[in-house]
Amino acid sequence: MSKGVEIPARIPIRRHGVARVEAILEAATKLFAERGLQGTTMSAVAEESGTAPGSLYRFFRNRDEVWDALLDRYVALRYDQLSELRACAPLMTTQELARHMVQDMQNRFQLRKLAMSFLEIREDLAPRRRELRLEILRRTADVLQAHAPEADPERLPVIARMASQMLRMVAGLEKVEADGEGAVMPELERALCLYLTDTLRRVP
């Protein structure tokens, strides 16, 4: 038998297999959030998802492959969100746009948090981390251009970057609201709306 030949993890094509992978990834998301990345074992993922260990390893050979699948899931979700937002942006008021941008960051917040953690701790993913951030900024600028075609195109990347920095506050504000310190997310929506209203209306 030849050595050094890697057998790839199985890609599900049947409905049952796809549903099983979804259950595994949901369980992994929960466990990574509760126990941390290093504290979550494959056996724990199998138990939490109700998957026999042998079946788990048919889809994911190790924990890194589970991480990669969760990262791919987040990237696909984020790109889909921005594509849908770009399609609707021309018909939205700036207030509606700001609200949707904040809500998109809140949706599947735990998955986003985990994906960003994977990117930060794995040095081999540094190029992908930079590529992902640049692509999200580019797509965010496309959303803003669709919403305000009269805006200065040279300033849109900077506006997109600033808006993205504001949206990163969602993490801290989620905790504030969870601690019962008041509904502060509407204030973020208001601040983002004011910023976009001021900057996007400045024509070249």
Protein backbone atom coordinates (compact mmCIF):
# COMPACT_ATOMS: atom_id res chain seq x y z
CA MET A 1 0.00 0.00 0.00
CA SER A 2 1.36 3.48 -0.89
CA LYS A 3 2.04 5.89 1.95
CA GLY A 4 1.26 9.57 2.30
CA VAL A 5 -2.08 9.39 0.49
CA GLU A 6 -4.76 11.36 2.36
CA ILE A 7 -8.32 10.17 2.16
CA PRO A 8 -10.54 13.27 2.20
CA ALA A 9 -13.41 13.53 4.61
CA ARG A 10 -16.71 12.55 3.06
CA ILE A 11 -18.76 15.30 1.44
CA PRO A 12 -22.45 14.65 2.11
CA ILE A 13 -24.71 14.60 -0.92
CA ARG A 14 -27.82 12.91 0.45
CA ARG A 15 -30.37 14.80 2.54
CA HIS A 16 -29.68 12.69 5.61
CA GLY A 17 -25.94 13.32 5.35
CA VAL A 18 -26.42 17.05 4.96
CA ALA A 19 -28.73 17.12 7.99
CA ARG A 20 -26.17 15.14 9.99
CA VAL A 21 -23.39 17.60 9.15
CA GLU A 22 -25.66 20.49 10.12
CA ALA A 23 -26.32 18.83 13.49
CA ILE A 24 -22.59 18.31 14.00
CA LEU A 25 -21.77 21.93 13.21
CA GLU A 26 -24.55 23.24 15.45
CA ALA A 27 -23.25 21.10 18.30
CA ALA A 28 -19.68 22.22 17.63
CA THR A 29 -20.73 25.88 17.68
CA LYS A 30 -22.38 25.38 21.06
CA LEU A 31 -19.45 23.49 22.55
CA PHE A 32 -16.76 25.83 21.24
CA ALA A 33 -18.69 28.74 22.75
CA GLU A 34 -19.01 27.00 26.14
CA ARG A 35 -15.64 25.24 26.43
CA GLY A 36 -13.37 27.17 24.13
CA LEU A 37 -11.58 25.97 21.04
CA GLN A 38 -8.99 23.83 22.82
CA GLY A 39 -11.42 22.48 25.40
CA THR A 40 -13.74 20.87 22.87
CA THR A 41 -13.00 17.29 21.82
CA MET A 42 -14.30 15.31 18.89
CA SER A 43 -15.94 12.86 21.28
CA ALA A 44 -17.81 15.73 22.92
CA VAL A 45 -19.02 16.94 19.52
CA ALA A 46 -20.19 13.42 18.69
CA GLU A 47 -22.09 13.14 21.97
CA GLU A 48 -23.65 16.60 21.76
CA SER A 49 -24.81 16.06 18.18
CA GLY A 50 -26.06 12.53 18.79
CA THR A 51 -23.63 11.17 16.23
CA ALA A 52 -21.76 7.89 16.50
CA PRO A 53 -17.99 8.58 16.62
CA GLY A 54 -17.46 6.50 13.49
CA SER A 55 -20.01 8.58 11.61
CA LEU A 56 -18.45 11.84 12.84
CA TYR A 57 -15.05 10.85 11.48
CA ARG A 58 -16.59 10.02 8.11
CA PHE A 59 -17.40 13.71 7.72
CA PHE A 60 -14.58 15.35 9.72
CA ARG A 61 -11.22 13.70 10.29
CA ASN A 62 -10.20 16.03 13.11
CA ARG A 63 -11.13 19.17 15.01
CA ASP A 64 -9.36 21.45 12.53
CA GLU A 65 -11.72 20.27 9.81
CA VAL A 66 -14.69 21.15 12.03
CA TRP A 67 -13.18 24.61 12.55
CA ASP A 68 -12.70 25.03 8.82
CA ALA A 69 -16.31 24.00 8.13
CA LEU A 70 -17.60 26.53 10.67
CA LEU A 71 -15.44 29.23 9.13
CA ASP A 72 -16.77 28.37 5.66
CA ARG A 73 -20.29 28.52 7.06
CA TYR A 74 -19.70 32.01 8.49
CA VAL A 75 -18.13 33.30 5.27
CA ALA A 76 -21.05 32.02 3.19
CA LEU A 77 -23.53 33.55 5.64
CA ARG A 78 -21.79 36.94 5.66
CA TYR A 79 -21.50 37.08 1.87
CA ASP A 80 -25.17 36.13 1.48
CA GLN A 81 -26.18 38.85 3.94
CA LEU A 82 -24.24 41.50 2.05
CA SER A 83 -25.55 40.31 -1.35
CA GLU A 84 -29.14 40.49 -0.12
CA LEU A 85 -28.53 43.88 1.45
CA ARG A 86 -27.01 45.24 -1.75
CA ALA A 87 -30.08 44.14 -3.71
CA CYS A 88 -32.41 45.94 -1.28
CA ALA A 89 -30.23 48.98 -0.52
CA PRO A 90 -31.55 51.21 -3.35
CA LEU A 91 -35.08 50.96 -1.93
CA MET A 92 -34.13 51.55 1.71
CA THR A 93 -33.94 54.72 3.73
CA THR A 94 -30.61 55.25 5.45
CA GLN A 95 -32.30 54.48 8.76
CA GLU A 96 -33.54 51.14 7.40
CA LEU A 97 -30.09 50.37 5.99
CA ALA A 98 -28.40 51.06 9.33
CA ARG A 99 -30.94 48.88 11.14
CA HIS A 100 -30.39 45.97 8.77
CA MET A 101 -26.60 46.27 9.00
CA VAL A 102 -26.77 46.04 12.79
CA GLN A 103 -29.29 43.18 12.70
CA ASP A 104 -27.14 41.23 10.24
CA MET A 105 -24.25 41.42 12.70
CA GLN A 106 -26.51 40.20 15.50
CA ASN A 107 -27.76 37.22 13.48
CA ARG A 108 -25.68 34.13 14.15
CA PHE A 109 -23.48 36.28 16.40
CA GLN A 110 -21.98 33.25 18.12
CA LEU A 111 -20.90 31.76 14.81
CA ARG A 112 -19.22 35.01 13.81
CA LYS A 113 -17.42 35.23 17.14
CA LEU A 114 -16.08 31.70 16.75
CA ALA A 115 -15.03 32.25 13.14
CA MET A 116 -13.06 35.34 14.11
CA SER A 117 -11.43 33.38 16.95
CA PHE A 118 -10.33 30.65 14.52
CA LEU A 119 -8.79 33.25 12.24
CA GLU A 120 -6.93 34.92 15.09
CA ILE A 121 -5.38 31.84 16.72
CA ARG A 122 -4.36 29.94 13.60
CA GLU A 123 -1.30 31.47 12.01
CA ASP A 124 -1.80 29.45 8.83
CA LEU A 125 -5.05 31.35 8.25
CA ALA A 126 -3.46 34.83 8.39
CA PRO A 127 -3.66 35.33 4.60
CA ARG A 128 -7.28 34.19 4.58
CA ARG A 129 -8.07 36.52 7.50
CA ARG A 130 -6.79 39.52 5.55
CA GLU A 131 -8.52 38.37 2.36
CA LEU A 132 -11.83 37.94 4.18
CA ARG A 133 -11.70 41.34 5.84
CA LEU A 134 -10.84 43.09 2.58
CA GLU A 135 -13.63 41.27 0.73
CA ILE A 136 -16.19 42.17 3.40
CA LEU A 137 -15.09 45.81 3.21
CA ARG A 138 -15.38 45.73 -0.59
CA ARG A 139 -18.87 44.25 -0.45
CA THR A 140 -19.90 46.73 2.24
CA ALA A 141 -18.74 49.56 -0.03
CA ASP A 142 -20.85 48.04 -2.82
CA VAL A 143 -23.89 48.11 -0.52
CA LEU A 144 -23.29 51.78 0.26
CA GLN A 145 -22.82 52.63 -3.42
CA ALA A 146 -26.09 50.89 -4.28
CA HIS A 147 -27.83 52.87 -1.54
CA ALA A 148 -26.27 56.24 -2.46
CA PRO A 149 -24.99 56.18 -6.06
CA GLU A 150 -24.26 59.91 -5.83
CA ALA A 151 -21.69 59.41 -3.05
CA ASP A 152 -18.01 60.02 -3.74
CA PRO A 153 -16.68 56.62 -4.93
CA GLU A 154 -13.19 57.42 -3.69
CA ARG A 155 -14.51 57.84 -0.13
CA LEU A 156 -16.70 54.75 -0.08
CA PRO A 157 -13.92 52.35 1.06
CA VAL A 158 -13.15 54.63 4.01
CA ILE A 159 -16.83 54.98 4.89
CA ALA A 160 -17.23 51.19 4.66
CA ARG A 161 -14.27 50.68 6.98
CA MET A 162 -15.64 53.16 9.52
CA ALA A 163 -19.10 51.57 9.39
CA SER A 164 -17.52 48.14 9.91
CA GLN A 165 -15.67 49.40 12.97
CA MET A 166 -18.92 50.73 14.39
CA LEU A 167 -20.60 47.38 13.77
CA ARG A 168 -17.88 45.62 15.76
CA MET A 169 -19.43 47.26 18.81
CA VAL A 170 -22.29 44.78 18.55
CA ALA A 171 -20.30 42.25 20.60
CA GLY A 172 -19.93 44.54 23.61
CA LEU A 173 -23.45 45.90 23.36
CA GLU A 174 -24.93 42.40 23.26
CA LYS A 175 -23.33 41.81 26.66
CA VAL A 176 -24.64 45.12 28.01
CA GLU A 177 -28.18 44.20 27.01
CA ALA A 178 -27.78 40.65 28.35
CA ASP A 179 -26.72 42.08 31.71
CA GLY A 180 -29.96 44.07 31.84
CA GLU A 181 -28.30 47.46 31.51
CA GLY A 182 -30.76 48.76 28.94
CA ALA A 183 -31.60 48.44 25.26
CA VAL A 184 -28.51 50.02 23.70
CA MET A 185 -28.61 48.42 20.25
CA PRO A 186 -31.06 51.06 18.95
CA GLU A 187 -28.48 53.68 19.93
CA LEU A 188 -25.91 51.98 17.73
CA GLU A 189 -28.41 51.93 14.87
CA ARG A 190 -29.02 55.65 15.40
CA ALA A 191 -25.30 56.47 15.50
CA LEU A 192 -24.63 54.48 12.32
CA CYS A 193 -27.57 56.12 10.58
CA LEU A 194 -26.31 59.61 11.47
CA TYR A 195 -22.81 58.76 10.27
CA LEU A 196 -24.00 57.34 6.94
CA THR A 197 -26.44 60.18 6.38
CA ASP A 198 -23.66 62.73 6.89
CA THR A 199 -20.97 61.02 4.83
CA LEU A 200 -22.91 59.53 1.93
CA ARG A 201 -24.61 62.78 1.00
CA ARG A 202 -21.28 64.51 0.40
CA VAL A 203 -20.97 64.51 -3.36
CA PRO A 204 -17.56 64.87 -5.05
